[in-house]
Amino acid sequence: MEIKNMQGISYRRDLCDFCGTCVAVCPHDAIELSENDLQITEKCTQCMNCVYICPVRALGGSDE
């Protein structure tokens, strides 16, 4: 289980199914998604929309 922390958002790659839901809800265009990785860029304001919408809970706040 690899957990990355990017811009205050934690990301569990083992749970992510790369559906793109987080990209669609990000109002700051701060999430970059490829077919096998996700990056949260410095544009992130930690609004947490991606965390709340993730259907597989691959994203979390920094305290999760």
PDB file of N, CA and C in Angstrom:
ATOM      1  N   MET A   1       0.848  -1.177   0.000  1.00  0.00           N
ATOM      2  CA  MET A   1       0.000   0.000   0.000  1.00  0.00           C
ATOM      3  C   MET A   1       0.892   1.238   0.000  1.00  0.00           C
ATOM      4  N   GLU A   2       0.858   1.962  -1.080  1.00  0.00           N
ATOM      5  CA  GLU A   2       1.628   3.194  -1.198  1.00  0.00           C
ATOM      6  C   GLU A   2       0.694   4.384  -0.981  1.00  0.00           C
ATOM      7  N   ILE A   3       1.065   5.246  -0.063  1.00  0.00           N
ATOM      8  CA  ILE A   3       0.294   6.465   0.173  1.00  0.00           C
ATOM      9  C   ILE A   3       1.190   7.654  -0.142  1.00  0.00           C
ATOM     10  N   LYS A   4       0.755   8.480  -1.078  1.00  0.00           N
ATOM     11  CA  LYS A   4       1.478   9.706  -1.403  1.00  0.00           C
ATOM     12  C   LYS A   4       0.691  10.867  -0.817  1.00  0.00           C
ATOM     13  N   ASN A   5       1.417  11.878  -0.377  1.00  0.00           N
ATOM     14  CA  ASN A   5       0.771  13.084   0.109  1.00  0.00           C
ATOM     15  C   ASN A   5       1.180  14.220  -0.821  1.00  0.00           C
ATOM     16  N   MET A   6       0.195  14.776  -1.502  1.00  0.00           N
ATOM     17  CA  MET A   6       0.448  15.845  -2.465  1.00  0.00           C
ATOM     18  C   MET A   6      -0.439  17.022  -2.126  1.00  0.00           C
ATOM     19  N   GLN A   7       0.165  18.150  -1.856  1.00  0.00           N
ATOM     20  CA  GLN A   7      -0.580  19.383  -1.590  1.00  0.00           C
ATOM     21  C   GLN A   7      -1.594  19.205  -0.455  1.00  0.00           C
ATOM     22  N   GLY A   8      -1.277  18.361   0.522  1.00  0.00           N
ATOM     23  CA  GLY A   8      -2.177  18.155   1.649  1.00  0.00           C
ATOM     24  C   GLY A   8      -3.260  17.119   1.425  1.00  0.00           C
ATOM     25  N   ILE A   9      -3.254  16.475   0.261  1.00  0.00           N
ATOM     26  CA  ILE A   9      -4.222  15.421  -0.052  1.00  0.00           C
ATOM     27  C   ILE A   9      -3.459  14.102  -0.138  1.00  0.00           C
ATOM     28  N   SER A  10      -3.903  13.102   0.592  1.00  0.00           N
ATOM     29  CA  SER A  10      -3.257  11.798   0.497  1.00  0.00           C
ATOM     30  C   SER A  10      -3.922  10.984  -0.616  1.00  0.00           C
ATOM     31  N   TYR A  11      -3.120  10.125  -1.229  1.00  0.00           N
ATOM     32  CA  TYR A  11      -3.568   9.351  -2.384  1.00  0.00           C
ATOM     33  C   TYR A  11      -3.093   7.917  -2.246  1.00  0.00           C
ATOM     34  N   ARG A  12      -4.033   6.981  -2.293  1.00  0.00           N
ATOM     35  CA  ARG A  12      -3.703   5.556  -2.252  1.00  0.00           C
ATOM     36  C   ARG A  12      -3.870   4.983  -3.650  1.00  0.00           C
ATOM     37  N   ARG A  13      -2.750   4.760  -4.299  1.00  0.00           N
ATOM     38  CA  ARG A  13      -2.756   4.255  -5.670  1.00  0.00           C
ATOM     39  C   ARG A  13      -3.398   2.870  -5.756  1.00  0.00           C
ATOM     40  N   ASP A  14      -3.257   2.055  -4.716  1.00  0.00           N
ATOM     41  CA  ASP A  14      -3.807   0.703  -4.748  1.00  0.00           C
ATOM     42  C   ASP A  14      -5.329   0.693  -4.768  1.00  0.00           C
ATOM     43  N   LEU A  15      -5.963   1.789  -4.355  1.00  0.00           N
ATOM     44  CA  LEU A  15      -7.425   1.862  -4.379  1.00  0.00           C
ATOM     45  C   LEU A  15      -7.963   2.556  -5.631  1.00  0.00           C
ATOM     46  N   CYS A  16      -7.179   3.428  -6.212  1.00  0.00           N
ATOM     47  CA  CYS A  16      -7.632   4.245  -7.341  1.00  0.00           C
ATOM     48  C   CYS A  16      -7.915   3.394  -8.575  1.00  0.00           C
ATOM     49  N   ASP A  17      -9.073   3.620  -9.192  1.00  0.00           N
ATOM     50  CA  ASP A  17      -9.394   2.920 -10.443  1.00  0.00           C
ATOM     51  C   ASP A  17      -9.325   3.865 -11.646  1.00  0.00           C
ATOM     52  N   PHE A  18      -8.782   5.076 -11.420  1.00  0.00           N
ATOM     53  CA  PHE A  18      -8.528   6.045 -12.488  1.00  0.00           C
ATOM     54  C   PHE A  18      -9.789   6.398 -13.272  1.00  0.00           C
ATOM     55  N   CYS A  19     -10.889   6.550 -12.545  1.00  0.00           N
ATOM     56  CA  CYS A  19     -12.172   6.840 -13.180  1.00  0.00           C
ATOM     57  C   CYS A  19     -12.277   8.290 -13.667  1.00  0.00           C
ATOM     58  N   GLY A  20     -11.501   9.199 -13.069  1.00  0.00           N
ATOM     59  CA  GLY A  20     -11.523  10.595 -13.495  1.00  0.00           C
ATOM     60  C   GLY A  20     -12.553  11.470 -12.799  1.00  0.00           C
ATOM     61  N   THR A  21     -13.278  10.913 -11.855  1.00  0.00           N
ATOM     62  CA  THR A  21     -14.281  11.700 -11.148  1.00  0.00           C
ATOM     63  C   THR A  21     -13.650  12.882 -10.426  1.00  0.00           C
ATOM     64  N   CYS A  22     -12.516  12.671  -9.815  1.00  0.00           N
ATOM     65  CA  CYS A  22     -11.830  13.747  -9.091  1.00  0.00           C
ATOM     66  C   CYS A  22     -11.425  14.883 -10.025  1.00  0.00           C
ATOM     67  N   VAL A  23     -10.966  14.533 -11.207  1.00  0.00           N
ATOM     68  CA  VAL A  23     -10.575  15.539 -12.209  1.00  0.00           C
ATOM     69  C   VAL A  23     -11.790  16.372 -12.597  1.00  0.00           C
ATOM     70  N   ALA A  24     -12.915  15.719 -12.775  1.00  0.00           N
ATOM     71  CA  ALA A  24     -14.137  16.401 -13.215  1.00  0.00           C
ATOM     72  C   ALA A  24     -14.669  17.398 -12.184  1.00  0.00           C
ATOM     73  N   VAL A  25     -14.479  17.123 -10.890  1.00  0.00           N
ATOM     74  CA  VAL A  25     -15.033  18.017  -9.870  1.00  0.00           C
ATOM     75  C   VAL A  25     -14.056  19.079  -9.370  1.00  0.00           C
ATOM     76  N   CYS A  26     -12.815  19.004  -9.776  1.00  0.00           N
ATOM     77  CA  CYS A  26     -11.819  19.970  -9.283  1.00  0.00           C
ATOM     78  C   CYS A  26     -12.034  21.335  -9.928  1.00  0.00           C
ATOM     79  N   PRO A  27     -12.391  22.351  -9.138  1.00  0.00           N
ATOM     80  CA  PRO A  27     -12.658  23.663  -9.710  1.00  0.00           C
ATOM     81  C   PRO A  27     -11.401  24.433 -10.098  1.00  0.00           C
ATOM     82  N   HIS A  28     -10.230  23.911  -9.740  1.00  0.00           N
ATOM     83  CA  HIS A  28      -8.977  24.612  -9.992  1.00  0.00           C
ATOM     84  C   HIS A  28      -8.100  23.905 -11.024  1.00  0.00           C
ATOM     85  N   ASP A  29      -8.627  22.851 -11.635  1.00  0.00           N
ATOM     86  CA  ASP A  29      -7.867  22.091 -12.628  1.00  0.00           C
ATOM     87  C   ASP A  29      -6.513  21.654 -12.056  1.00  0.00           C
ATOM     88  N   ALA A  30      -6.537  21.165 -10.815  1.00  0.00           N
ATOM     89  CA  ALA A  30      -5.311  20.847 -10.094  1.00  0.00           C
ATOM     90  C   ALA A  30      -4.939  19.362 -10.111  1.00  0.00           C
ATOM     91  N   ILE A  31      -5.751  18.540 -10.769  1.00  0.00           N
ATOM     92  CA  ILE A  31      -5.487  17.101 -10.772  1.00  0.00           C
ATOM     93  C   ILE A  31      -5.168  16.641 -12.180  1.00  0.00           C
ATOM     94  N   GLU A  32      -4.031  15.969 -12.288  1.00  0.00           N
ATOM     95  CA  GLU A  32      -3.613  15.399 -13.571  1.00  0.00           C
ATOM     96  C   GLU A  32      -3.685  13.886 -13.447  1.00  0.00           C
ATOM     97  N   LEU A  33      -4.334  13.268 -14.405  1.00  0.00           N
ATOM     98  CA  LEU A  33      -4.560  11.828 -14.362  1.00  0.00           C
ATOM     99  C   LEU A  33      -4.042  11.185 -15.634  1.00  0.00           C
ATOM    100  N   SER A  34      -3.252  10.130 -15.462  1.00  0.00           N
ATOM    101  CA  SER A  34      -2.834   9.322 -16.599  1.00  0.00           C
ATOM    102  C   SER A  34      -3.479   7.953 -16.429  1.00  0.00           C
ATOM    103  N   GLU A  35      -3.157   7.026 -17.283  1.00  0.00           N
ATOM    104  CA  GLU A  35      -3.816   5.723 -17.173  1.00  0.00           C
ATOM    105  C   GLU A  35      -3.351   4.911 -15.971  1.00  0.00           C
ATOM    106  N   ASN A  36      -2.255   5.352 -15.314  1.00  0.00           N
ATOM    107  CA  ASN A  36      -1.804   4.600 -14.140  1.00  0.00           C
ATOM    108  C   ASN A  36      -1.210   5.467 -13.030  1.00  0.00           C
ATOM    109  N   ASP A  37      -1.500   6.745 -13.024  1.00  0.00           N
ATOM    110  CA  ASP A  37      -1.027   7.601 -11.939  1.00  0.00           C
ATOM    111  C   ASP A  37      -1.878   8.856 -11.841  1.00  0.00           C
ATOM    112  N   LEU A  38      -1.818   9.479 -10.690  1.00  0.00           N
ATOM    113  CA  LEU A  38      -2.561  10.695 -10.418  1.00  0.00           C
ATOM    114  C   LEU A  38      -1.605  11.670  -9.735  1.00  0.00           C
ATOM    115  N   GLN A  39      -1.650  12.910 -10.142  1.00  0.00           N
ATOM    116  CA  GLN A  39      -0.836  13.958  -9.528  1.00  0.00           C
ATOM    117  C   GLN A  39      -1.741  15.115  -9.145  1.00  0.00           C
ATOM    118  N   ILE A  40      -1.509  15.672  -7.973  1.00  0.00           N
ATOM    119  CA  ILE A  40      -2.207  16.873  -7.549  1.00  0.00           C
ATOM    120  C   ILE A  40      -1.179  17.997  -7.589  1.00  0.00           C
ATOM    121  N   THR A  41      -1.457  19.007  -8.372  1.00  0.00           N
ATOM    122  CA  THR A  41      -0.481  20.065  -8.617  1.00  0.00           C
ATOM    123  C   THR A  41      -0.584  21.199  -7.602  1.00  0.00           C
ATOM    124  N   GLU A  42       0.313  22.139  -7.746  1.00  0.00           N
ATOM    125  CA  GLU A  42       0.351  23.291  -6.842  1.00  0.00           C
ATOM    126  C   GLU A  42      -0.868  24.191  -6.976  1.00  0.00           C
ATOM    127  N   LYS A  43      -1.705  23.965  -7.977  1.00  0.00           N
ATOM    128  CA  LYS A  43      -2.954  24.717  -8.127  1.00  0.00           C
ATOM    129  C   LYS A  43      -3.985  24.348  -7.054  1.00  0.00           C
ATOM    130  N   CYS A  44      -3.755  23.247  -6.355  1.00  0.00           N
ATOM    131  CA  CYS A  44      -4.689  22.740  -5.346  1.00  0.00           C
ATOM    132  C   CYS A  44      -4.860  23.747  -4.207  1.00  0.00           C
ATOM    133  N   THR A  45      -6.108  24.001  -3.840  1.00  0.00           N
ATOM    134  CA  THR A  45      -6.419  24.886  -2.717  1.00  0.00           C
ATOM    135  C   THR A  45      -6.979  24.099  -1.526  1.00  0.00           C
ATOM    136  N   GLN A  46      -6.931  22.796  -1.600  1.00  0.00           N
ATOM    137  CA  GLN A  46      -7.444  21.894  -0.573  1.00  0.00           C
ATOM    138  C   GLN A  46      -8.932  22.115  -0.305  1.00  0.00           C
ATOM    139  N   CYS A  47      -9.704  22.315  -1.364  1.00  0.00           N
ATOM    140  CA  CYS A  47     -11.158  22.461  -1.218  1.00  0.00           C
ATOM    141  C   CYS A  47     -11.809  21.137  -0.841  1.00  0.00           C
ATOM    142  N   MET A  48     -11.117  20.030  -1.098  1.00  0.00           N
ATOM    143  CA  MET A  48     -11.534  18.674  -0.730  1.00  0.00           C
ATOM    144  C   MET A  48     -12.661  18.111  -1.587  1.00  0.00           C
ATOM    145  N   ASN A  49     -13.034  18.785  -2.667  1.00  0.00           N
ATOM    146  CA  ASN A  49     -14.064  18.228  -3.550  1.00  0.00           C
ATOM    147  C   ASN A  49     -13.680  16.836  -4.021  1.00  0.00           C
ATOM    148  N   CYS A  50     -12.420  16.643  -4.382  1.00  0.00           N
ATOM    149  CA  CYS A  50     -11.962  15.343  -4.869  1.00  0.00           C
ATOM    150  C   CYS A  50     -12.085  14.268  -3.789  1.00  0.00           C
ATOM    151  N   VAL A  51     -11.774  14.639  -2.560  1.00  0.00           N
ATOM    152  CA  VAL A  51     -11.850  13.689  -1.446  1.00  0.00           C
ATOM    153  C   VAL A  51     -13.294  13.256  -1.216  1.00  0.00           C
ATOM    154  N   TYR A  52     -14.198  14.216  -1.207  1.00  0.00           N
ATOM    155  CA  TYR A  52     -15.607  13.913  -0.937  1.00  0.00           C
ATOM    156  C   TYR A  52     -16.252  13.086  -2.042  1.00  0.00           C
ATOM    157  N   ILE A  53     -15.816  13.265  -3.287  1.00  0.00           N
ATOM    158  CA  ILE A  53     -16.486  12.615  -4.420  1.00  0.00           C
ATOM    159  C   ILE A  53     -15.876  11.255  -4.794  1.00  0.00           C
ATOM    160  N   CYS A  54     -14.673  10.967  -4.353  1.00  0.00           N
ATOM    161  CA  CYS A  54     -13.990   9.736  -4.790  1.00  0.00           C
ATOM    162  C   CYS A  54     -14.809   8.501  -4.416  1.00  0.00           C
ATOM    163  N   PRO A  55     -15.256   7.734  -5.403  1.00  0.00           N
ATOM    164  CA  PRO A  55     -16.128   6.592  -5.119  1.00  0.00           C
ATOM    165  C   PRO A  55     -15.432   5.422  -4.441  1.00  0.00           C
ATOM    166  N   VAL A  56     -14.099   5.380  -4.523  1.00  0.00           N
ATOM    167  CA  VAL A  56     -13.361   4.260  -3.904  1.00  0.00           C
ATOM    168  C   VAL A  56     -12.501   4.714  -2.725  1.00  0.00           C
ATOM    169  N   ARG A  57     -12.654   5.970  -2.320  1.00  0.00           N
ATOM    170  CA  ARG A  57     -11.930   6.541  -1.182  1.00  0.00           C
ATOM    171  C   ARG A  57     -10.423   6.450  -1.322  1.00  0.00           C
ATOM    172  N   ALA A  58      -9.944   6.645  -2.550  1.00  0.00           N
ATOM    173  CA  ALA A  58      -8.499   6.634  -2.804  1.00  0.00           C
ATOM    174  C   ALA A  58      -7.852   7.942  -2.383  1.00  0.00           C
ATOM    175  N   LEU A  59      -8.651   8.988  -2.248  1.00  0.00           N
ATOM    176  CA  LEU A  59      -8.132  10.291  -1.839  1.00  0.00           C
ATOM    177  C   LEU A  59      -8.615  10.600  -0.429  1.00  0.00           C
ATOM    178  N   GLY A  60      -7.767  11.274   0.313  1.00  0.00           N
ATOM    179  CA  GLY A  60      -8.135  11.637   1.679  1.00  0.00           C
ATOM    180  C   GLY A  60      -7.476  12.926   2.099  1.00  0.00           C
ATOM    181  N   GLY A  61      -7.971  13.511   3.154  1.00  0.00           N
ATOM    182  CA  GLY A  61      -7.350  14.687   3.724  1.00  0.00           C
ATOM    183  C   GLY A  61      -6.040  14.320   4.369  1.00  0.00           C
ATOM    184  N   SER A  62      -5.218  15.283   4.659  1.00  0.00           N
ATOM    185  CA  SER A  62      -3.893  15.010   5.217  1.00  0.00           C
ATOM    186  C   SER A  62      -3.955  14.363   6.593  1.00  0.00           C
ATOM    187  N   ASP A  63      -5.082  14.458   7.267  1.00  0.00           N
ATOM    188  CA  ASP A  63      -5.214  13.860   8.600  1.00  0.00           C
ATOM    189  C   ASP A  63      -5.827  12.470   8.572  1.00  0.00           C
ATOM    190  N   GLU A  64      -6.097  11.930   7.374  1.00  0.00           N
ATOM    191  CA  GLU A  64      -6.710  10.587   7.270  1.00  0.00           C
ATOM    192  C   GLU A  64      -5.652   9.533   7.100  1.00  0.00           C
TER     193      GLU A  64
END
